[in-house]
PDB file of N, CA and C in Angstrom:
ATOM      1  N   MET A   1      -2.580  18.033  -0.636  1.00  0.00           N
ATOM      2  CA  MET A   1      -2.553  17.168  -1.796  1.00  0.00           C
ATOM      3  C   MET A   1      -3.921  17.220  -2.481  1.00  0.00           C
ATOM      4  N   LYS A   2      -3.884  17.396  -3.793  1.00  0.00           N
ATOM      5  CA  LYS A   2      -5.135  17.407  -4.552  1.00  0.00           C
ATOM      6  C   LYS A   2      -5.720  16.002  -4.618  1.00  0.00           C
ATOM      7  N   ASP A   3      -6.963  15.890  -5.092  1.00  0.00           N
ATOM      8  CA  ASP A   3      -7.589  14.578  -5.239  1.00  0.00           C
ATOM      9  C   ASP A   3      -6.771  13.728  -6.205  1.00  0.00           C
ATOM     10  N   MET A   4      -6.477  12.528  -5.800  1.00  0.00           N
ATOM     11  CA  MET A   4      -5.678  11.609  -6.605  1.00  0.00           C
ATOM     12  C   MET A   4      -6.553  10.402  -6.932  1.00  0.00           C
ATOM     13  N   ILE A   5      -6.632  10.059  -8.212  1.00  0.00           N
ATOM     14  CA  ILE A   5      -7.363   8.862  -8.633  1.00  0.00           C
ATOM     15  C   ILE A   5      -6.400   7.681  -8.520  1.00  0.00           C
ATOM     16  N   ILE A   6      -6.817   6.657  -7.800  1.00  0.00           N
ATOM     17  CA  ILE A   6      -6.005   5.461  -7.611  1.00  0.00           C
ATOM     18  C   ILE A   6      -6.807   4.275  -8.145  1.00  0.00           C
ATOM     19  N   THR A   7      -6.194   3.476  -9.024  1.00  0.00           N
ATOM     20  CA  THR A   7      -6.898   2.320  -9.569  1.00  0.00           C
ATOM     21  C   THR A   7      -5.919   1.206  -9.920  1.00  0.00           C
ATOM     22  N   ASN A   8      -6.427  -0.020  -9.906  1.00  0.00           N
ATOM     23  CA  ASN A   8      -5.601  -1.139 -10.359  1.00  0.00           C
ATOM     24  C   ASN A   8      -5.833  -1.418 -11.845  1.00  0.00           C
ATOM     25  N   LEU A   9      -6.655  -0.602 -12.508  1.00  0.00           N
ATOM     26  CA  LEU A   9      -6.869  -0.709 -13.953  1.00  0.00           C
ATOM     27  C   LEU A   9      -5.730  -0.037 -14.705  1.00  0.00           C
ATOM     28  N   GLU A  10      -5.582  -0.369 -15.979  1.00  0.00           N
ATOM     29  CA  GLU A  10      -4.553   0.259 -16.804  1.00  0.00           C
ATOM     30  C   GLU A  10      -5.011   1.582 -17.401  1.00  0.00           C
ATOM     31  N   THR A  11      -6.317   1.825 -17.378  1.00  0.00           N
ATOM     32  CA  THR A  11      -6.887   3.080 -17.874  1.00  0.00           C
ATOM     33  C   THR A  11      -8.018   3.482 -16.934  1.00  0.00           C
ATOM     34  N   ILE A  12      -8.494   4.702 -17.100  1.00  0.00           N
ATOM     35  CA  ILE A  12      -9.643   5.171 -16.325  1.00  0.00           C
ATOM     36  C   ILE A  12     -10.764   5.437 -17.316  1.00  0.00           C
ATOM     37  N   PRO A  13     -11.860   4.697 -17.237  1.00  0.00           N
ATOM     38  CA  PRO A  13     -12.964   4.898 -18.176  1.00  0.00           C
ATOM     39  C   PRO A  13     -13.407   6.362 -18.216  1.00  0.00           C
ATOM     40  N   GLY A  14     -13.522   6.893 -19.418  1.00  0.00           N
ATOM     41  CA  GLY A  14     -13.973   8.266 -19.594  1.00  0.00           C
ATOM     42  C   GLY A  14     -12.872   9.304 -19.483  1.00  0.00           C
ATOM     43  N   LYS A  15     -11.646   8.876 -19.219  1.00  0.00           N
ATOM     44  CA  LYS A  15     -10.527   9.824 -19.108  1.00  0.00           C
ATOM     45  C   LYS A  15      -9.406   9.361 -20.024  1.00  0.00           C
ATOM     46  N   GLY A  16      -8.629  10.319 -20.485  1.00  0.00           N
ATOM     47  CA  GLY A  16      -7.482  10.001 -21.329  1.00  0.00           C
ATOM     48  C   GLY A  16      -6.191  10.375 -20.623  1.00  0.00           C
ATOM     49  N   ILE A  17      -5.148   9.610 -20.891  1.00  0.00           N
ATOM     50  CA  ILE A  17      -3.838   9.918 -20.314  1.00  0.00           C
ATOM     51  C   ILE A  17      -3.214  11.048 -21.122  1.00  0.00           C
ATOM     52  N   VAL A  18      -2.927  12.153 -20.429  1.00  0.00           N
ATOM     53  CA  VAL A  18      -2.326  13.324 -21.056  1.00  0.00           C
ATOM     54  C   VAL A  18      -0.803  13.239 -20.961  1.00  0.00           C
ATOM     55  N   THR A  19      -0.308  12.825 -19.798  1.00  0.00           N
ATOM     56  CA  THR A  19       1.133  12.724 -19.565  1.00  0.00           C
ATOM     57  C   THR A  19       1.440  11.459 -18.779  1.00  0.00           C
ATOM     58  N   HIS A  20       2.425  10.722 -19.248  1.00  0.00           N
ATOM     59  CA  HIS A  20       2.925   9.547 -18.521  1.00  0.00           C
ATOM     60  C   HIS A  20       4.128  10.009 -17.707  1.00  0.00           C
ATOM     61  N   ILE A  21       4.055   9.875 -16.381  1.00  0.00           N
ATOM     62  CA  ILE A  21       5.150  10.335 -15.518  1.00  0.00           C
ATOM     63  C   ILE A  21       6.086   9.191 -15.177  1.00  0.00           C
ATOM     64  N   GLY A  22       5.543   8.038 -14.822  1.00  0.00           N
ATOM     65  CA  GLY A  22       6.387   6.886 -14.528  1.00  0.00           C
ATOM     66  C   GLY A  22       6.052   6.213 -13.214  1.00  0.00           C
ATOM     67  N   LEU A  23       6.920   5.304 -12.831  1.00  0.00           N
ATOM     68  CA  LEU A  23       6.721   4.500 -11.639  1.00  0.00           C
ATOM     69  C   LEU A  23       6.791   5.344 -10.368  1.00  0.00           C
ATOM     70  N   VAL A  24       5.832   5.109  -9.477  1.00  0.00           N
ATOM     71  CA  VAL A  24       5.864   5.683  -8.126  1.00  0.00           C
ATOM     72  C   VAL A  24       5.660   4.546  -7.148  1.00  0.00           C
ATOM     73  N   GLN A  25       6.188   4.720  -5.938  1.00  0.00           N
ATOM     74  CA  GLN A  25       6.085   3.653  -4.960  1.00  0.00           C
ATOM     75  C   GLN A  25       6.055   4.199  -3.546  1.00  0.00           C
ATOM     76  N   GLY A  26       5.627   3.328  -2.659  1.00  0.00           N
ATOM     77  CA  GLY A  26       5.647   3.628  -1.240  1.00  0.00           C
ATOM     78  C   GLY A  26       5.850   2.331  -0.490  1.00  0.00           C
ATOM     79  N   ASN A  27       6.493   2.408   0.659  1.00  0.00           N
ATOM     80  CA  ASN A  27       6.689   1.187   1.434  1.00  0.00           C
ATOM     81  C   ASN A  27       6.784   1.503   2.914  1.00  0.00           C
ATOM     82  N   THR A  28       6.677   0.459   3.712  1.00  0.00           N
ATOM     83  CA  THR A  28       6.902   0.546   5.141  1.00  0.00           C
ATOM     84  C   THR A  28       7.373  -0.824   5.609  1.00  0.00           C
ATOM     85  N   VAL A  29       8.218  -0.815   6.616  1.00  0.00           N
ATOM     86  CA  VAL A  29       8.679  -2.059   7.234  1.00  0.00           C
ATOM     87  C   VAL A  29       8.160  -2.048   8.661  1.00  0.00           C
ATOM     88  N   ARG A  30       7.474  -3.095   9.017  1.00  0.00           N
ATOM     89  CA  ARG A  30       6.873  -3.204  10.355  1.00  0.00           C
ATOM     90  C   ARG A  30       7.339  -4.467  11.048  1.00  0.00           C
ATOM     91  N   ALA A  31       7.483  -4.367  12.358  1.00  0.00           N
ATOM     92  CA  ALA A  31       7.854  -5.520  13.176  1.00  0.00           C
ATOM     93  C   ALA A  31       6.646  -5.974  13.969  1.00  0.00           C
ATOM     94  N   LYS A  32       6.627  -7.263  14.270  1.00  0.00           N
ATOM     95  CA  LYS A  32       5.548  -7.805  15.083  1.00  0.00           C
ATOM     96  C   LYS A  32       5.686  -7.307  16.518  1.00  0.00           C
ATOM     97  N   HIS A  33       4.588  -7.244  17.205  1.00  0.00           N
ATOM     98  CA  HIS A  33       4.511  -6.815  18.599  1.00  0.00           C
ATOM     99  C   HIS A  33       4.415  -8.059  19.474  1.00  0.00           C
ATOM    100  N   VAL A  34       5.215  -8.126  20.530  1.00  0.00           N
ATOM    101  CA  VAL A  34       5.241  -9.310  21.395  1.00  0.00           C
ATOM    102  C   VAL A  34       3.851  -9.637  21.938  1.00  0.00           C
ATOM    103  N   GLY A  35       3.116  -8.636  22.368  1.00  0.00           N
ATOM    104  CA  GLY A  35       1.761  -8.856  22.879  1.00  0.00           C
ATOM    105  C   GLY A  35       0.842  -9.439  21.823  1.00  0.00           C
ATOM    106  N   ARG A  36       0.991  -8.959  20.595  1.00  0.00           N
ATOM    107  CA  ARG A  36       0.173  -9.501  19.500  1.00  0.00           C
ATOM    108  C   ARG A  36       0.559 -10.947  19.213  1.00  0.00           C
ATOM    109  N   ASP A  37       1.846 -11.267  19.328  1.00  0.00           N
ATOM    110  CA  ASP A  37       2.291 -12.645  19.106  1.00  0.00           C
ATOM    111  C   ASP A  37       1.688 -13.601  20.124  1.00  0.00           C
ATOM    112  N   ILE A  38       1.617 -13.168  21.376  1.00  0.00           N
ATOM    113  CA  ILE A  38       1.030 -14.009  22.419  1.00  0.00           C
ATOM    114  C   ILE A  38      -0.438 -14.263  22.117  1.00  0.00           C
ATOM    115  N   MET A  39      -1.163 -13.196  21.769  1.00  0.00           N
ATOM    116  CA  MET A  39      -2.586 -13.344  21.453  1.00  0.00           C
ATOM    117  C   MET A  39      -2.784 -14.184  20.188  1.00  0.00           C
ATOM    118  N   ALA A  40      -1.905 -14.016  19.209  1.00  0.00           N
ATOM    119  CA  ALA A  40      -2.002 -14.815  17.978  1.00  0.00           C
ATOM    120  C   ALA A  40      -1.791 -16.290  18.287  1.00  0.00           C
ATOM    121  N   GLY A  41      -0.862 -16.587  19.190  1.00  0.00           N
ATOM    122  CA  GLY A  41      -0.633 -17.971  19.586  1.00  0.00           C
ATOM    123  C   GLY A  41      -1.867 -18.581  20.221  1.00  0.00           C
ATOM    124  N   LEU A  42      -2.553 -17.800  21.054  1.00  0.00           N
ATOM    125  CA  LEU A  42      -3.787 -18.287  21.672  1.00  0.00           C
ATOM    126  C   LEU A  42      -4.882 -18.487  20.631  1.00  0.00           C
ATOM    127  N   LYS A  43      -4.981 -17.575  19.671  1.00  0.00           N
ATOM    128  CA  LYS A  43      -5.996 -17.690  18.621  1.00  0.00           C
ATOM    129  C   LYS A  43      -5.757 -18.927  17.760  1.00  0.00           C
ATOM    130  N   ASN A  44      -4.482 -19.291  17.587  1.00  0.00           N
ATOM    131  CA  ASN A  44      -4.174 -20.491  16.801  1.00  0.00           C
ATOM    132  C   ASN A  44      -4.759 -21.734  17.450  1.00  0.00           C
ATOM    133  N   ILE A  45      -4.920 -21.715  18.753  1.00  0.00           N
ATOM    134  CA  ILE A  45      -5.486 -22.865  19.466  1.00  0.00           C
ATOM    135  C   ILE A  45      -6.993 -22.941  19.254  1.00  0.00           C
ATOM    136  N   VAL A  46      -7.682 -21.787  19.387  1.00  0.00           N
ATOM    137  CA  VAL A  46      -9.146 -21.788  19.322  1.00  0.00           C
ATOM    138  C   VAL A  46      -9.697 -21.332  17.967  1.00  0.00           C
ATOM    139  N   GLY A  47      -8.853 -20.749  17.131  1.00  0.00           N
ATOM    140  CA  GLY A  47      -9.291 -20.273  15.821  1.00  0.00           C
ATOM    141  C   GLY A  47      -9.851 -18.866  15.883  1.00  0.00           C
ATOM    142  N   GLY A  48     -10.007 -18.251  14.748  1.00  0.00           N
ATOM    143  CA  GLY A  48     -10.576 -16.912  14.665  1.00  0.00           C
ATOM    144  C   GLY A  48      -9.605 -15.930  14.039  1.00  0.00           C
ATOM    145  N   GLU A  49     -10.104 -14.719  13.822  1.00  0.00           N
ATOM    146  CA  GLU A  49      -9.315 -13.666  13.193  1.00  0.00           C
ATOM    147  C   GLU A  49      -8.233 -13.165  14.140  1.00  0.00           C
ATOM    148  N   LEU A  50      -7.072 -12.917  13.586  1.00  0.00           N
ATOM    149  CA  LEU A  50      -5.964 -12.335  14.347  1.00  0.00           C
ATOM    150  C   LEU A  50      -6.056 -10.819  14.187  1.00  0.00           C
ATOM    151  N   ARG A  51      -6.909 -10.179  14.972  1.00  0.00           N
ATOM    152  CA  ARG A  51      -7.220  -8.758  14.796  1.00  0.00           C
ATOM    153  C   ARG A  51      -6.000  -7.854  14.918  1.00  0.00           C
ATOM    154  N   GLY A  52      -5.082  -8.198  15.815  1.00  0.00           N
ATOM    155  CA  GLY A  52      -3.870  -7.389  15.958  1.00  0.00           C
ATOM    156  C   GLY A  52      -3.076  -7.335  14.666  1.00  0.00           C
ATOM    157  N   TYR A  53      -2.969  -8.473  13.984  1.00  0.00           N
ATOM    158  CA  TYR A  53      -2.246  -8.511  12.715  1.00  0.00           C
ATOM    159  C   TYR A  53      -3.047  -7.847  11.600  1.00  0.00           C
ATOM    160  N   THR A  54      -4.356  -7.992  11.643  1.00  0.00           N
ATOM    161  CA  THR A  54      -5.198  -7.316  10.659  1.00  0.00           C
ATOM    162  C   THR A  54      -5.001  -5.807  10.744  1.00  0.00           C
ATOM    163  N   GLU A  55      -5.001  -5.275  11.964  1.00  0.00           N
ATOM    164  CA  GLU A  55      -4.782  -3.834  12.172  1.00  0.00           C
ATOM    165  C   GLU A  55      -3.388  -3.429  11.699  1.00  0.00           C
ATOM    166  N   LEU A  56      -2.379  -4.238  11.996  1.00  0.00           N
ATOM    167  CA  LEU A  56      -1.007  -3.946  11.590  1.00  0.00           C
ATOM    168  C   LEU A  56      -0.905  -3.866  10.067  1.00  0.00           C
ATOM    169  N   LEU A  57      -1.524  -4.821   9.364  1.00  0.00           N
ATOM    170  CA  LEU A  57      -1.478  -4.817   7.905  1.00  0.00           C
ATOM    171  C   LEU A  57      -2.276  -3.656   7.309  1.00  0.00           C
ATOM    172  N   THR A  58      -3.411  -3.347   7.909  1.00  0.00           N
ATOM    173  CA  THR A  58      -4.209  -2.213   7.427  1.00  0.00           C
ATOM    174  C   THR A  58      -3.426  -0.916   7.570  1.00  0.00           C
ATOM    175  N   ASP A  59      -2.801  -0.718   8.727  1.00  0.00           N
ATOM    176  CA  ASP A  59      -1.982   0.484   8.941  1.00  0.00           C
ATOM    177  C   ASP A  59      -0.816   0.533   7.959  1.00  0.00           C
ATOM    178  N   SER A  60      -0.201  -0.603   7.697  1.00  0.00           N
ATOM    179  CA  SER A  60       0.924  -0.669   6.757  1.00  0.00           C
ATOM    180  C   SER A  60       0.479  -0.318   5.342  1.00  0.00           C
ATOM    181  N   ARG A  61      -0.663  -0.861   4.912  1.00  0.00           N
ATOM    182  CA  ARG A  61      -1.177  -0.526   3.573  1.00  0.00           C
ATOM    183  C   ARG A  61      -1.478   0.963   3.465  1.00  0.00           C
ATOM    184  N   ASP A  62      -2.137   1.505   4.485  1.00  0.00           N
ATOM    185  CA  ASP A  62      -2.486   2.928   4.459  1.00  0.00           C
ATOM    186  C   ASP A  62      -1.241   3.812   4.383  1.00  0.00           C
ATOM    187  N   GLU A  63      -0.226   3.488   5.182  1.00  0.00           N
ATOM    188  CA  GLU A  63       0.995   4.290   5.190  1.00  0.00           C
ATOM    189  C   GLU A  63       1.735   4.182   3.854  1.00  0.00           C
ATOM    190  N   SER A  64       1.836   2.987   3.310  1.00  0.00           N
ATOM    191  CA  SER A  64       2.502   2.796   2.021  1.00  0.00           C
ATOM    192  C   SER A  64       1.766   3.536   0.904  1.00  0.00           C
ATOM    193  N   MET A  65       0.442   3.443   0.894  1.00  0.00           N
ATOM    194  CA  MET A  65      -0.359   4.155  -0.116  1.00  0.00           C
ATOM    195  C   MET A  65      -0.150   5.663  -0.011  1.00  0.00           C
ATOM    196  N   GLN A  66      -0.153   6.173   1.214  1.00  0.00           N
ATOM    197  CA  GLN A  66       0.040   7.607   1.424  1.00  0.00           C
ATOM    198  C   GLN A  66       1.393   8.062   0.876  1.00  0.00           C
ATOM    199  N   ARG A  67       2.422   7.295   1.129  1.00  0.00           N
ATOM    200  CA  ARG A  67       3.758   7.642   0.630  1.00  0.00           C
ATOM    201  C   ARG A  67       3.807   7.610  -0.892  1.00  0.00           C
ATOM    202  N   MET A  68       3.152   6.625  -1.514  1.00  0.00           N
ATOM    203  CA  MET A  68       3.111   6.560  -2.970  1.00  0.00           C
ATOM    204  C   MET A  68       2.367   7.763  -3.542  1.00  0.00           C
ATOM    205  N   MET A  69       1.241   8.106  -2.927  1.00  0.00           N
ATOM    206  CA  MET A  69       0.445   9.247  -3.396  1.00  0.00           C
ATOM    207  C   MET A  69       1.218  10.557  -3.245  1.00  0.00           C
ATOM    208  N   GLU A  70       1.958  10.713  -2.161  1.00  0.00           N
ATOM    209  CA  GLU A  70       2.758  11.925  -1.967  1.00  0.00           C
ATOM    210  C   GLU A  70       3.836  12.049  -3.039  1.00  0.00           C
ATOM    211  N   GLN A  71       4.472  10.934  -3.388  1.00  0.00           N
ATOM    212  CA  GLN A  71       5.482  10.962  -4.443  1.00  0.00           C
ATOM    213  C   GLN A  71       4.845  11.355  -5.775  1.00  0.00           C
ATOM    214  N   ALA A  72       3.708  10.776  -6.104  1.00  0.00           N
ATOM    215  CA  ALA A  72       3.016  11.105  -7.350  1.00  0.00           C
ATOM    216  C   ALA A  72       2.609  12.573  -7.383  1.00  0.00           C
ATOM    217  N   ASP A  73       2.141  13.075  -6.250  1.00  0.00           N
ATOM    218  CA  ASP A  73       1.741  14.481  -6.164  1.00  0.00           C
ATOM    219  C   ASP A  73       2.939  15.404  -6.406  1.00  0.00           C
ATOM    220  N   ARG A  74       4.073  15.081  -5.803  1.00  0.00           N
ATOM    221  CA  ARG A  74       5.288  15.891  -5.995  1.00  0.00           C
ATOM    222  C   ARG A  74       5.707  15.920  -7.462  1.00  0.00           C
ATOM    223  N   LEU A  75       5.435  14.844  -8.187  1.00  0.00           N
ATOM    224  CA  LEU A  75       5.805  14.755  -9.596  1.00  0.00           C
ATOM    225  C   LEU A  75       4.766  15.385 -10.522  1.00  0.00           C
ATOM    226  N   GLY A  76       3.634  15.842  -9.964  1.00  0.00           N
ATOM    227  CA  GLY A  76       2.603  16.508 -10.751  1.00  0.00           C
ATOM    228  C   GLY A  76       1.508  15.609 -11.283  1.00  0.00           C
ATOM    229  N   ALA A  77       1.428  14.378 -10.827  1.00  0.00           N
ATOM    230  CA  ALA A  77       0.388  13.454 -11.294  1.00  0.00           C
ATOM    231  C   ALA A  77      -0.946  13.749 -10.615  1.00  0.00           C
ATOM    232  N   ASN A  78      -2.023  13.353 -11.279  1.00  0.00           N
ATOM    233  CA  ASN A  78      -3.344  13.418 -10.646  1.00  0.00           C
ATOM    234  C   ASN A  78      -4.008  12.036 -10.610  1.00  0.00           C
ATOM    235  N   ALA A  79      -3.246  11.009 -11.044  1.00  0.00           N
ATOM    236  CA  ALA A  79      -3.765   9.635 -11.002  1.00  0.00           C
ATOM    237  C   ALA A  79      -2.603   8.649 -10.937  1.00  0.00           C
ATOM    238  N   ILE A  80      -2.894   7.484 -10.350  1.00  0.00           N
ATOM    239  CA  ILE A  80      -1.929   6.387 -10.334  1.00  0.00           C
ATOM    240  C   ILE A  80      -2.667   5.151 -10.843  1.00  0.00           C
ATOM    241  N   LEU A  81      -2.138   4.584 -11.919  1.00  0.00           N
ATOM    242  CA  LEU A  81      -2.773   3.439 -12.568  1.00  0.00           C
ATOM    243  C   LEU A  81      -2.027   2.145 -12.246  1.00  0.00           C
ATOM    244  N   ASN A  82      -2.738   1.020 -12.444  1.00  0.00           N
ATOM    245  CA  ASN A  82      -2.135  -0.305 -12.356  1.00  0.00           C
ATOM    246  C   ASN A  82      -1.447  -0.534 -11.001  1.00  0.00           C
ATOM    247  N   VAL A  83      -2.104  -0.126  -9.923  1.00  0.00           N
ATOM    248  CA  VAL A  83      -1.527  -0.218  -8.580  1.00  0.00           C
ATOM    249  C   VAL A  83      -1.466  -1.674  -8.122  1.00  0.00           C
ATOM    250  N   ARG A  84      -0.323  -2.040  -7.545  1.00  0.00           N
ATOM    251  CA  ARG A  84      -0.088  -3.395  -7.054  1.00  0.00           C
ATOM    252  C   ARG A  84       0.568  -3.343  -5.681  1.00  0.00           C
ATOM    253  N   PHE A  85       0.319  -4.380  -4.884  1.00  0.00           N
ATOM    254  CA  PHE A  85       0.938  -4.524  -3.563  1.00  0.00           C
ATOM    255  C   PHE A  85       1.851  -5.741  -3.571  1.00  0.00           C
ATOM    256  N   ALA A  86       2.919  -5.673  -2.787  1.00  0.00           N
ATOM    257  CA  ALA A  86       3.816  -6.810  -2.599  1.00  0.00           C
ATOM    258  C   ALA A  86       4.293  -6.799  -1.146  1.00  0.00           C
ATOM    259  N   THR A  87       4.614  -7.975  -0.644  1.00  0.00           N
ATOM    260  CA  THR A  87       5.155  -8.085   0.706  1.00  0.00           C
ATOM    261  C   THR A  87       6.419  -8.934   0.658  1.00  0.00           C
ATOM    262  N   SER A  88       7.277  -8.704   1.633  1.00  0.00           N
ATOM    263  CA  SER A  88       8.472  -9.528   1.760  1.00  0.00           C
ATOM    264  C   SER A  88       8.901  -9.565   3.214  1.00  0.00           C
ATOM    265  N   SER A  89       9.572 -10.632   3.565  1.00  0.00           N
ATOM    266  CA  SER A  89      10.087 -10.784   4.919  1.00  0.00           C
ATOM    267  C   SER A  89      11.478 -10.161   4.964  1.00  0.00           C
ATOM    268  N   ILE A  90      11.684  -9.241   5.890  1.00  0.00           N
ATOM    269  CA  ILE A  90      12.971  -8.564   6.026  1.00  0.00           C
ATOM    270  C   ILE A  90      13.864  -9.324   6.999  1.00  0.00           C
ATOM    271  N   SER A  91      13.287  -9.725   8.119  1.00  0.00           N
ATOM    272  CA  SER A  91      13.992 -10.522   9.123  1.00  0.00           C
ATOM    273  C   SER A  91      12.936 -11.254   9.938  1.00  0.00           C
ATOM    274  N   ALA A  92      13.370 -12.065  10.876  1.00  0.00           N
ATOM    275  CA  ALA A  92      12.404 -12.767  11.728  1.00  0.00           C
ATOM    276  C   ALA A  92      11.575 -11.736  12.478  1.00  0.00           C
ATOM    277  N   GLY A  93      10.291 -11.717  12.207  1.00  0.00           N
ATOM    278  CA  GLY A  93       9.403 -10.804  12.905  1.00  0.00           C
ATOM    279  C   GLY A  93       9.207  -9.458  12.245  1.00  0.00           C
ATOM    280  N   ALA A  94       9.846  -9.191  11.100  1.00  0.00           N
ATOM    281  CA  ALA A  94       9.678  -7.904  10.413  1.00  0.00           C
ATOM    282  C   ALA A  94       9.383  -8.148   8.933  1.00  0.00           C
ATOM    283  N   SER A  95       8.422  -7.391   8.412  1.00  0.00           N
ATOM    284  CA  SER A  95       8.028  -7.525   7.009  1.00  0.00           C
ATOM    285  C   SER A  95       7.891  -6.158   6.360  1.00  0.00           C
ATOM    286  N   GLU A  96       8.089  -6.147   5.046  1.00  0.00           N
ATOM    287  CA  GLU A  96       7.907  -4.930   4.271  1.00  0.00           C
ATOM    288  C   GLU A  96       6.612  -5.042   3.487  1.00  0.00           C
ATOM    289  N   LEU A  97       5.861  -3.967   3.425  1.00  0.00           N
ATOM    290  CA  LEU A  97       4.716  -3.865   2.535  1.00  0.00           C
ATOM    291  C   LEU A  97       5.075  -2.792   1.513  1.00  0.00           C
ATOM    292  N   PHE A  98       5.005  -3.147   0.238  1.00  0.00           N
ATOM    293  CA  PHE A  98       5.434  -2.293  -0.859  1.00  0.00           C
ATOM    294  C   PHE A  98       4.265  -2.113  -1.812  1.00  0.00           C
ATOM    295  N   VAL A  99       3.995  -0.880  -2.210  1.00  0.00           N
ATOM    296  CA  VAL A  99       2.937  -0.600  -3.183  1.00  0.00           C
ATOM    297  C   VAL A  99       3.551   0.230  -4.313  1.00  0.00           C
ATOM    298  N   TYR A 100       3.108  -0.057  -5.546  1.00  0.00           N
ATOM    299  CA  TYR A 100       3.658   0.672  -6.682  1.00  0.00           C
ATOM    300  C   TYR A 100       2.616   0.808  -7.769  1.00  0.00           C
ATOM    301  N   GLY A 101       2.816   1.781  -8.622  1.00  0.00           N
ATOM    302  CA  GLY A 101       1.917   2.009  -9.729  1.00  0.00           C
ATOM    303  C   GLY A 101       2.519   2.995 -10.715  1.00  0.00           C
ATOM    304  N   THR A 102       1.749   3.348 -11.730  1.00  0.00           N
ATOM    305  CA  THR A 102       2.205   4.269 -12.770  1.00  0.00           C
ATOM    306  C   THR A 102       1.532   5.618 -12.578  1.00  0.00           C
ATOM    307  N   ALA A 103       2.329   6.637 -12.338  1.00  0.00           N
ATOM    308  CA  ALA A 103       1.813   7.994 -12.171  1.00  0.00           C
ATOM    309  C   ALA A 103       1.555   8.616 -13.535  1.00  0.00           C
ATOM    310  N   VAL A 104       0.391   9.229 -13.676  1.00  0.00           N
ATOM    311  CA  VAL A 104      -0.001   9.869 -14.928  1.00  0.00           C
ATOM    312  C   VAL A 104      -0.797  11.140 -14.635  1.00  0.00           C
ATOM    313  N   VAL A 105      -0.963  11.934 -15.672  1.00  0.00           N
ATOM    314  CA  VAL A 105      -1.914  13.044 -15.645  1.00  0.00           C
ATOM    315  C   VAL A 105      -3.039  12.653 -16.587  1.00  0.00           C
ATOM    316  N   VAL A 106      -4.273  12.692 -16.079  1.00  0.00           N
ATOM    317  CA  VAL A 106      -5.427  12.369 -16.901  1.00  0.00           C
ATOM    318  C   VAL A 106      -6.346  13.582 -16.997  1.00  0.00           C
ATOM    319  N   ALA A 107      -7.115  13.616 -18.072  1.00  0.00           N
ATOM    320  CA  ALA A 107      -8.096  14.683 -18.252  1.00  0.00           C
ATOM    321  C   ALA A 107      -9.363  14.080 -18.830  1.00  0.00           C
TER     322      ALA A 107
END
């Protein structure tokens, strides 16, 4: 995959949009881990960061972004503008992380 410019801006300073390709997206659905739930329950008592969940969300964002970038690359884009993230609960203990943006060619 070539270098892909990813931004939450609607434009890229110093570059012009040559071709508008359209919406691209990536997602992943992840379930909670029983061991992480036990540790999270203990952390709720004493306070502090829930590192297991932080890692789970970081991995989910990375995987969703990668899938979005691969779709944009297949369509011939070299940039994705106006990138946004969304989450939703799929079932008890499982959530979806969804990322989307506008694929374009810039020069």
